[in-house]
Amino acid sequence: MTLVFSTMALVLVFVLRADTPLLLGIAVSVPALSYGGLYTLFPAATASFFGEKNFGLHYGKKYPMRNFWRYTGVKLKEKKKLINLN
């Protein structure tokens, strides 16, 4: 997991220095390809953090809560834009 996060961090720093479309395309594609790697590591990280006894309970909560916070974050962002415009 550290390797995947480190790779993504290095690429994000590299994006700041990308001055050609080819370099920018490479810099954007590396995190996109690493995204699936993160989802293969999440079950192991959840089991390690919460223990195997509570794995099913906590891993089952992960995906619905992720979708809830995506929706809530968008709504809060829209509300903030409306407040800032007035």
PDB file of N, CA and C in Angstrom:
ATOM      1  N   MET A   1       0.828  -1.174   0.000  1.00  0.00           N
ATOM      2  CA  MET A   1       0.000   0.000   0.000  1.00  0.00           C
ATOM      3  C   MET A   1       0.881   1.249   0.000  1.00  0.00           C
ATOM      4  N   THR A   2       1.972   1.192   0.752  1.00  0.00           N
ATOM      5  CA  THR A   2       2.900   2.316   0.781  1.00  0.00           C
ATOM      6  C   THR A   2       3.494   2.555  -0.598  1.00  0.00           C
ATOM      7  N   LEU A   3       3.793   1.487  -1.309  1.00  0.00           N
ATOM      8  CA  LEU A   3       4.353   1.612  -2.647  1.00  0.00           C
ATOM      9  C   LEU A   3       3.371   2.295  -3.594  1.00  0.00           C
ATOM     10  N   VAL A   4       2.113   1.924  -3.529  1.00  0.00           N
ATOM     11  CA  VAL A   4       1.106   2.521  -4.410  1.00  0.00           C
ATOM     12  C   VAL A   4       0.920   3.995  -4.079  1.00  0.00           C
ATOM     13  N   PHE A   5       0.807   4.332  -2.795  1.00  0.00           N
ATOM     14  CA  PHE A   5       0.641   5.733  -2.411  1.00  0.00           C
ATOM     15  C   PHE A   5       1.881   6.556  -2.748  1.00  0.00           C
ATOM     16  N   SER A   6       3.060   5.984  -2.577  1.00  0.00           N
ATOM     17  CA  SER A   6       4.296   6.698  -2.907  1.00  0.00           C
ATOM     18  C   SER A   6       4.385   6.964  -4.403  1.00  0.00           C
ATOM     19  N   THR A   7       4.013   5.973  -5.196  1.00  0.00           N
ATOM     20  CA  THR A   7       4.024   6.153  -6.647  1.00  0.00           C
ATOM     21  C   THR A   7       3.064   7.256  -7.055  1.00  0.00           C
ATOM     22  N   MET A   8       1.883   7.259  -6.483  1.00  0.00           N
ATOM     23  CA  MET A   8       0.908   8.305  -6.814  1.00  0.00           C
ATOM     24  C   MET A   8       1.409   9.683  -6.388  1.00  0.00           C
ATOM     25  N   ALA A   9       2.036   9.770  -5.228  1.00  0.00           N
ATOM     26  CA  ALA A   9       2.559  11.055  -4.759  1.00  0.00           C
ATOM     27  C   ALA A   9       3.666  11.561  -5.675  1.00  0.00           C
ATOM     28  N   LEU A  10       4.555  10.688  -6.090  1.00  0.00           N
ATOM     29  CA  LEU A  10       5.624  11.099  -7.001  1.00  0.00           C
ATOM     30  C   LEU A  10       5.071  11.568  -8.338  1.00  0.00           C
ATOM     31  N   VAL A  11       4.063  10.883  -8.829  1.00  0.00           N
ATOM     32  CA  VAL A  11       3.472  11.281 -10.104  1.00  0.00           C
ATOM     33  C   VAL A  11       2.768  12.624  -9.971  1.00  0.00           C
ATOM     34  N   LEU A  12       2.104  12.863  -8.856  1.00  0.00           N
ATOM     35  CA  LEU A  12       1.439  14.155  -8.668  1.00  0.00           C
ATOM     36  C   LEU A  12       2.444  15.297  -8.614  1.00  0.00           C
ATOM     37  N   VAL A  13       3.603  15.053  -8.040  1.00  0.00           N
ATOM     38  CA  VAL A  13       4.667  16.063  -8.060  1.00  0.00           C
ATOM     39  C   VAL A  13       5.180  16.232  -9.486  1.00  0.00           C
ATOM     40  N   PHE A  14       5.273  15.137 -10.220  1.00  0.00           N
ATOM     41  CA  PHE A  14       5.737  15.166 -11.601  1.00  0.00           C
ATOM     42  C   PHE A  14       4.777  15.948 -12.488  1.00  0.00           C
ATOM     43  N   VAL A  15       3.488  15.918 -12.183  1.00  0.00           N
ATOM     44  CA  VAL A  15       2.493  16.648 -12.975  1.00  0.00           C
ATOM     45  C   VAL A  15       2.789  18.144 -12.958  1.00  0.00           C
ATOM     46  N   LEU A  16       3.290  18.641 -11.856  1.00  0.00           N
ATOM     47  CA  LEU A  16       3.602  20.066 -11.769  1.00  0.00           C
ATOM     48  C   LEU A  16       4.695  20.470 -12.752  1.00  0.00           C
ATOM     49  N   ARG A  17       5.560  19.536 -13.114  1.00  0.00           N
ATOM     50  CA  ARG A  17       6.670  19.826 -14.016  1.00  0.00           C
ATOM     51  C   ARG A  17       6.395  19.379 -15.449  1.00  0.00           C
ATOM     52  N   ALA A  18       5.259  18.777 -15.697  1.00  0.00           N
ATOM     53  CA  ALA A  18       4.937  18.284 -17.038  1.00  0.00           C
ATOM     54  C   ALA A  18       4.572  19.460 -17.928  1.00  0.00           C
ATOM     55  N   ASP A  19       5.412  19.697 -18.937  1.00  0.00           N
ATOM     56  CA  ASP A  19       5.171  20.847 -19.806  1.00  0.00           C
ATOM     57  C   ASP A  19       4.769  20.452 -21.223  1.00  0.00           C
ATOM     58  N   THR A  20       4.705  19.175 -21.521  1.00  0.00           N
ATOM     59  CA  THR A  20       4.249  18.722 -22.831  1.00  0.00           C
ATOM     60  C   THR A  20       3.027  17.820 -22.649  1.00  0.00           C
ATOM     61  N   PRO A  21       2.202  17.745 -23.661  1.00  0.00           N
ATOM     62  CA  PRO A  21       1.019  16.886 -23.553  1.00  0.00           C
ATOM     63  C   PRO A  21       1.363  15.410 -23.312  1.00  0.00           C
ATOM     64  N   LEU A  22       2.472  14.934 -23.878  1.00  0.00           N
ATOM     65  CA  LEU A  22       2.859  13.539 -23.676  1.00  0.00           C
ATOM     66  C   LEU A  22       3.197  13.272 -22.213  1.00  0.00           C
ATOM     67  N   LEU A  23       3.983  14.148 -21.604  1.00  0.00           N
ATOM     68  CA  LEU A  23       4.331  13.972 -20.193  1.00  0.00           C
ATOM     69  C   LEU A  23       3.101  14.075 -19.301  1.00  0.00           C
ATOM     70  N   LEU A  24       2.213  14.993 -19.631  1.00  0.00           N
ATOM     71  CA  LEU A  24       0.983  15.125 -18.856  1.00  0.00           C
ATOM     72  C   LEU A  24       0.120  13.870 -18.992  1.00  0.00           C
ATOM     73  N   GLY A  25       0.046  13.319 -20.194  1.00  0.00           N
ATOM     74  CA  GLY A  25      -0.717  12.088 -20.398  1.00  0.00           C
ATOM     75  C   GLY A  25      -0.156  10.922 -19.608  1.00  0.00           C
ATOM     76  N   ILE A  26       1.165  10.810 -19.579  1.00  0.00           N
ATOM     77  CA  ILE A  26       1.802   9.751 -18.794  1.00  0.00           C
ATOM     78  C   ILE A  26       1.545   9.973 -17.312  1.00  0.00           C
ATOM     79  N   ALA A  27       1.676  11.212 -16.872  1.00  0.00           N
ATOM     80  CA  ALA A  27       1.489  11.525 -15.452  1.00  0.00           C
ATOM     81  C   ALA A  27       0.055  11.279 -14.998  1.00  0.00           C
ATOM     82  N   VAL A  28      -0.895  11.461 -15.876  1.00  0.00           N
ATOM     83  CA  VAL A  28      -2.294  11.229 -15.512  1.00  0.00           C
ATOM     84  C   VAL A  28      -2.639   9.741 -15.583  1.00  0.00           C
ATOM     85  N   SER A  29      -2.017   9.015 -16.500  1.00  0.00           N
ATOM     86  CA  SER A  29      -2.367   7.602 -16.662  1.00  0.00           C
ATOM     87  C   SER A  29      -1.811   6.714 -15.551  1.00  0.00           C
ATOM     88  N   VAL A  30      -0.697   7.085 -14.937  1.00  0.00           N
ATOM     89  CA  VAL A  30      -0.129   6.245 -13.873  1.00  0.00           C
ATOM     90  C   VAL A  30      -1.069   6.145 -12.667  1.00  0.00           C
ATOM     91  N   PRO A  31      -1.592   7.257 -12.122  1.00  0.00           N
ATOM     92  CA  PRO A  31      -2.558   7.094 -11.018  1.00  0.00           C
ATOM     93  C   PRO A  31      -3.836   6.378 -11.452  1.00  0.00           C
ATOM     94  N   ALA A  32      -4.251   6.590 -12.693  1.00  0.00           N
ATOM     95  CA  ALA A  32      -5.454   5.906 -13.170  1.00  0.00           C
ATOM     96  C   ALA A  32      -5.238   4.397 -13.203  1.00  0.00           C
ATOM     97  N   LEU A  33      -4.059   3.960 -13.601  1.00  0.00           N
ATOM     98  CA  LEU A  33      -3.764   2.528 -13.626  1.00  0.00           C
ATOM     99  C   LEU A  33      -3.511   1.979 -12.230  1.00  0.00           C
ATOM    100  N   SER A  34      -3.065   2.812 -11.307  1.00  0.00           N
ATOM    101  CA  SER A  34      -2.809   2.367  -9.932  1.00  0.00           C
ATOM    102  C   SER A  34      -4.086   2.292  -9.104  1.00  0.00           C
ATOM    103  N   TYR A  35      -5.148   2.892  -9.595  1.00  0.00           N
ATOM    104  CA  TYR A  35      -6.401   2.935  -8.845  1.00  0.00           C
ATOM    105  C   TYR A  35      -6.927   1.535  -8.553  1.00  0.00           C
ATOM    106  N   GLY A  36      -6.837   0.641  -9.510  1.00  0.00           N
ATOM    107  CA  GLY A  36      -7.279  -0.738  -9.296  1.00  0.00           C
ATOM    108  C   GLY A  36      -6.421  -1.460  -8.276  1.00  0.00           C
ATOM    109  N   GLY A  37      -5.140  -1.120  -8.235  1.00  0.00           N
ATOM    110  CA  GLY A  37      -4.249  -1.726  -7.254  1.00  0.00           C
ATOM    111  C   GLY A  37      -4.652  -1.391  -5.833  1.00  0.00           C
ATOM    112  N   LEU A  38      -5.154  -0.185  -5.646  1.00  0.00           N
ATOM    113  CA  LEU A  38      -5.618   0.194  -4.314  1.00  0.00           C
ATOM    114  C   LEU A  38      -6.809  -0.649  -3.883  1.00  0.00           C
ATOM    115  N   TYR A  39      -7.720  -0.905  -4.816  1.00  0.00           N
ATOM    116  CA  TYR A  39      -8.904  -1.682  -4.456  1.00  0.00           C
ATOM    117  C   TYR A  39      -8.580  -3.138  -4.173  1.00  0.00           C
ATOM    118  N   THR A  40      -7.463  -3.647  -4.669  1.00  0.00           N
ATOM    119  CA  THR A  40      -7.070  -5.006  -4.300  1.00  0.00           C
ATOM    120  C   THR A  40      -6.430  -5.036  -2.922  1.00  0.00           C
ATOM    121  N   LEU A  41      -5.910  -3.910  -2.461  1.00  0.00           N
ATOM    122  CA  LEU A  41      -5.250  -3.859  -1.156  1.00  0.00           C
ATOM    123  C   LEU A  41      -6.202  -3.508  -0.015  1.00  0.00           C
ATOM    124  N   PHE A  42      -7.337  -2.895  -0.311  1.00  0.00           N
ATOM    125  CA  PHE A  42      -8.259  -2.478   0.748  1.00  0.00           C
ATOM    126  C   PHE A  42      -8.780  -3.628   1.613  1.00  0.00           C
ATOM    127  N   PRO A  43      -9.141  -4.791   1.050  1.00  0.00           N
ATOM    128  CA  PRO A  43      -9.599  -5.875   1.933  1.00  0.00           C
ATOM    129  C   PRO A  43      -8.529  -6.326   2.921  1.00  0.00           C
ATOM    130  N   ALA A  44      -7.292  -6.435   2.450  1.00  0.00           N
ATOM    131  CA  ALA A  44      -6.210  -6.852   3.348  1.00  0.00           C
ATOM    132  C   ALA A  44      -5.951  -5.800   4.417  1.00  0.00           C
ATOM    133  N   ALA A  45      -6.003  -4.530   4.043  1.00  0.00           N
ATOM    134  CA  ALA A  45      -5.782  -3.459   5.017  1.00  0.00           C
ATOM    135  C   ALA A  45      -6.913  -3.414   6.041  1.00  0.00           C
ATOM    136  N   THR A  46      -8.141  -3.630   5.595  1.00  0.00           N
ATOM    137  CA  THR A  46      -9.279  -3.641   6.514  1.00  0.00           C
ATOM    138  C   THR A  46      -9.171  -4.799   7.495  1.00  0.00           C
ATOM    139  N   ALA A  47      -8.814  -5.972   6.996  1.00  0.00           N
ATOM    140  CA  ALA A  47      -8.663  -7.139   7.881  1.00  0.00           C
ATOM    141  C   ALA A  47      -7.521  -6.936   8.860  1.00  0.00           C
ATOM    142  N   SER A  48      -6.451  -6.313   8.414  1.00  0.00           N
ATOM    143  CA  SER A  48      -5.307  -6.073   9.293  1.00  0.00           C
ATOM    144  C   SER A  48      -5.649  -5.049  10.375  1.00  0.00           C
ATOM    145  N   PHE A  49      -6.386  -4.015  10.005  1.00  0.00           N
ATOM    146  CA  PHE A  49      -6.688  -2.934  10.941  1.00  0.00           C
ATOM    147  C   PHE A  49      -7.770  -3.327  11.946  1.00  0.00           C
ATOM    148  N   PHE A  50      -8.859  -3.929  11.477  1.00  0.00           N
ATOM    149  CA  PHE A  50      -9.993  -4.248  12.346  1.00  0.00           C
ATOM    150  C   PHE A  50      -9.986  -5.681  12.862  1.00  0.00           C
ATOM    151  N   GLY A  51      -9.150  -6.532  12.291  1.00  0.00           N
ATOM    152  CA  GLY A  51      -9.119  -7.936  12.693  1.00  0.00           C
ATOM    153  C   GLY A  51     -10.046  -8.768  11.827  1.00  0.00           C
ATOM    154  N   GLU A  52      -9.735 -10.047  11.739  1.00  0.00           N
ATOM    155  CA  GLU A  52     -10.531 -10.922  10.878  1.00  0.00           C
ATOM    156  C   GLU A  52     -11.940 -11.145  11.418  1.00  0.00           C
ATOM    157  N   LYS A  53     -12.106 -11.051  12.727  1.00  0.00           N
ATOM    158  CA  LYS A  53     -13.425 -11.268  13.319  1.00  0.00           C
ATOM    159  C   LYS A  53     -14.413 -10.189  12.862  1.00  0.00           C
ATOM    160  N   ASN A  54     -13.967  -8.938  12.773  1.00  0.00           N
ATOM    161  CA  ASN A  54     -14.838  -7.819  12.412  1.00  0.00           C
ATOM    162  C   ASN A  54     -14.691  -7.398  10.957  1.00  0.00           C
ATOM    163  N   PHE A  55     -13.996  -8.188  10.158  1.00  0.00           N
ATOM    164  CA  PHE A  55     -13.721  -7.805   8.771  1.00  0.00           C
ATOM    165  C   PHE A  55     -14.993  -7.596   7.965  1.00  0.00           C
ATOM    166  N   GLY A  56     -15.899  -8.550   8.000  1.00  0.00           N
ATOM    167  CA  GLY A  56     -17.112  -8.463   7.194  1.00  0.00           C
ATOM    168  C   GLY A  56     -17.962  -7.258   7.535  1.00  0.00           C
ATOM    169  N   LEU A  57     -18.064  -6.948   8.805  1.00  0.00           N
ATOM    170  CA  LEU A  57     -18.867  -5.807   9.241  1.00  0.00           C
ATOM    171  C   LEU A  57     -18.281  -4.494   8.725  1.00  0.00           C
ATOM    172  N   HIS A  58     -16.994  -4.285   8.930  1.00  0.00           N
ATOM    173  CA  HIS A  58     -16.383  -3.010   8.559  1.00  0.00           C
ATOM    174  C   HIS A  58     -16.168  -2.876   7.059  1.00  0.00           C
ATOM    175  N   TYR A  59     -15.816  -3.965   6.392  1.00  0.00           N
ATOM    176  CA  TYR A  59     -15.631  -3.889   4.946  1.00  0.00           C
ATOM    177  C   TYR A  59     -16.971  -3.705   4.246  1.00  0.00           C
ATOM    178  N   GLY A  60     -18.025  -4.263   4.815  1.00  0.00           N
ATOM    179  CA  GLY A  60     -19.357  -4.075   4.259  1.00  0.00           C
ATOM    180  C   GLY A  60     -19.859  -2.646   4.396  1.00  0.00           C
ATOM    181  N   LYS A  61     -19.372  -1.919   5.386  1.00  0.00           N
ATOM    182  CA  LYS A  61     -19.761  -0.516   5.575  1.00  0.00           C
ATOM    183  C   LYS A  61     -18.977   0.424   4.668  1.00  0.00           C
ATOM    184  N   LYS A  62     -17.845  -0.023   4.179  1.00  0.00           N
ATOM    185  CA  LYS A  62     -16.941   0.854   3.439  1.00  0.00           C
ATOM    186  C   LYS A  62     -17.577   1.404   2.160  1.00  0.00           C
ATOM    187  N   TYR A  63     -18.152   0.540   1.337  1.00  0.00           N
ATOM    188  CA  TYR A  63     -18.655   0.988   0.043  1.00  0.00           C
ATOM    189  C   TYR A  63     -19.920   1.841   0.137  1.00  0.00           C
ATOM    190  N   PRO A  64     -20.909   1.487   0.933  1.00  0.00           N
ATOM    191  CA  PRO A  64     -22.054   2.394   1.054  1.00  0.00           C
ATOM    192  C   PRO A  64     -21.670   3.764   1.620  1.00  0.00           C
ATOM    193  N   MET A  65     -20.752   3.792   2.579  1.00  0.00           N
ATOM    194  CA  MET A  65     -20.347   5.080   3.153  1.00  0.00           C
ATOM    195  C   MET A  65     -19.545   5.905   2.153  1.00  0.00           C
ATOM    196  N   ARG A  66     -18.746   5.245   1.322  1.00  0.00           N
ATOM    197  CA  ARG A  66     -18.002   5.968   0.288  1.00  0.00           C
ATOM    198  C   ARG A  66     -18.980   6.672  -0.650  1.00  0.00           C
ATOM    199  N   ASN A  67     -20.002   5.963  -1.076  1.00  0.00           N
ATOM    200  CA  ASN A  67     -20.995   6.563  -1.966  1.00  0.00           C
ATOM    201  C   ASN A  67     -21.788   7.651  -1.261  1.00  0.00           C
ATOM    202  N   PHE A  68     -22.094   7.473   0.013  1.00  0.00           N
ATOM    203  CA  PHE A  68     -22.801   8.499   0.778  1.00  0.00           C
ATOM    204  C   PHE A  68     -21.978   9.784   0.833  1.00  0.00           C
ATOM    205  N   TRP A  69     -20.685   9.669   1.132  1.00  0.00           N
ATOM    206  CA  TRP A  69     -19.861  10.867   1.247  1.00  0.00           C
ATOM    207  C   TRP A  69     -19.576  11.507  -0.103  1.00  0.00           C
ATOM    208  N   ARG A  70     -19.571  10.717  -1.175  1.00  0.00           N
ATOM    209  CA  ARG A  70     -19.451  11.325  -2.507  1.00  0.00           C
ATOM    210  C   ARG A  70     -20.661  12.221  -2.778  1.00  0.00           C
ATOM    211  N   TYR A  71     -21.837  11.701  -2.528  1.00  0.00           N
ATOM    212  CA  TYR A  71     -23.058  12.466  -2.756  1.00  0.00           C
ATOM    213  C   TYR A  71     -23.105  13.685  -1.839  1.00  0.00           C
ATOM    214  N   THR A  72     -22.802  13.495  -0.561  1.00  0.00           N
ATOM    215  CA  THR A  72     -22.843  14.588   0.408  1.00  0.00           C
ATOM    216  C   THR A  72     -21.813  15.652   0.071  1.00  0.00           C
ATOM    217  N   GLY A  73     -20.629  15.231  -0.355  1.00  0.00           N
ATOM    218  CA  GLY A  73     -19.584  16.192  -0.709  1.00  0.00           C
ATOM    219  C   GLY A  73     -19.987  17.058  -1.883  1.00  0.00           C
ATOM    220  N   VAL A  74     -20.630  16.465  -2.884  1.00  0.00           N
ATOM    221  CA  VAL A  74     -21.085  17.237  -4.038  1.00  0.00           C
ATOM    222  C   VAL A  74     -22.147  18.238  -3.612  1.00  0.00           C
ATOM    223  N   LYS A  75     -23.082  17.805  -2.783  1.00  0.00           N
ATOM    224  CA  LYS A  75     -24.142  18.711  -2.330  1.00  0.00           C
ATOM    225  C   LYS A  75     -23.572  19.853  -1.492  1.00  0.00           C
ATOM    226  N   LEU A  76     -22.606  19.557  -0.622  1.00  0.00           N
ATOM    227  CA  LEU A  76     -21.988  20.618   0.180  1.00  0.00           C
ATOM    228  C   LEU A  76     -21.218  21.595  -0.695  1.00  0.00           C
ATOM    229  N   LYS A  77     -20.565  21.083  -1.720  1.00  0.00           N
ATOM    230  CA  LYS A  77     -19.821  21.949  -2.632  1.00  0.00           C
ATOM    231  C   LYS A  77     -20.778  22.871  -3.389  1.00  0.00           C
ATOM    232  N   GLU A  78     -21.917  22.328  -3.838  1.00  0.00           N
ATOM    233  CA  GLU A  78     -22.909  23.149  -4.526  1.00  0.00           C
ATOM    234  C   GLU A  78     -23.465  24.218  -3.598  1.00  0.00           C
ATOM    235  N   LYS A  79     -23.728  23.853  -2.356  1.00  0.00           N
ATOM    236  CA  LYS A  79     -24.257  24.812  -1.395  1.00  0.00           C
ATOM    237  C   LYS A  79     -23.233  25.912  -1.125  1.00  0.00           C
ATOM    238  N   LYS A  80     -21.968  25.546  -1.036  1.00  0.00           N
ATOM    239  CA  LYS A  80     -20.909  26.528  -0.793  1.00  0.00           C
ATOM    240  C   LYS A  80     -20.813  27.506  -1.958  1.00  0.00           C
ATOM    241  N   LYS A  81     -20.965  27.009  -3.197  1.00  0.00           N
ATOM    242  CA  LYS A  81     -20.932  27.890  -4.361  1.00  0.00           C
ATOM    243  C   LYS A  81     -22.086  28.884  -4.308  1.00  0.00           C
ATOM    244  N   LEU A  82     -23.281  28.410  -3.926  1.00  0.00           N
ATOM    245  CA  LEU A  82     -24.435  29.300  -3.843  1.00  0.00           C
ATOM    246  C   LEU A  82     -24.229  30.368  -2.778  1.00  0.00           C
ATOM    247  N   ILE A  83     -23.635  29.993  -1.662  1.00  0.00           N
ATOM    248  CA  ILE A  83     -23.393  30.959  -0.589  1.00  0.00           C
ATOM    249  C   ILE A  83     -22.353  31.982  -1.016  1.00  0.00           C
ATOM    250  N   ASN A  84     -21.301  31.549  -1.706  1.00  0.00           N
ATOM    251  CA  ASN A  84     -20.239  32.458  -2.121  1.00  0.00           C
ATOM    252  C   ASN A  84     -20.684  33.413  -3.216  1.00  0.00           C
ATOM    253  N   LEU A  85     -21.653  33.023  -4.039  1.00  0.00           N
ATOM    254  CA  LEU A  85     -22.106  33.894  -5.116  1.00  0.00           C
ATOM    255  C   LEU A  85     -22.965  35.037  -4.598  1.00  0.00           C
ATOM    256  N   ASN A  86     -23.646  34.864  -3.500  1.00  0.00           N
ATOM    257  CA  ASN A  86     -24.537  35.906  -2.978  1.00  0.00           C
ATOM    258  C   ASN A  86     -23.806  36.946  -2.203  1.00  0.00           C
TER     259      ASN A  86
END
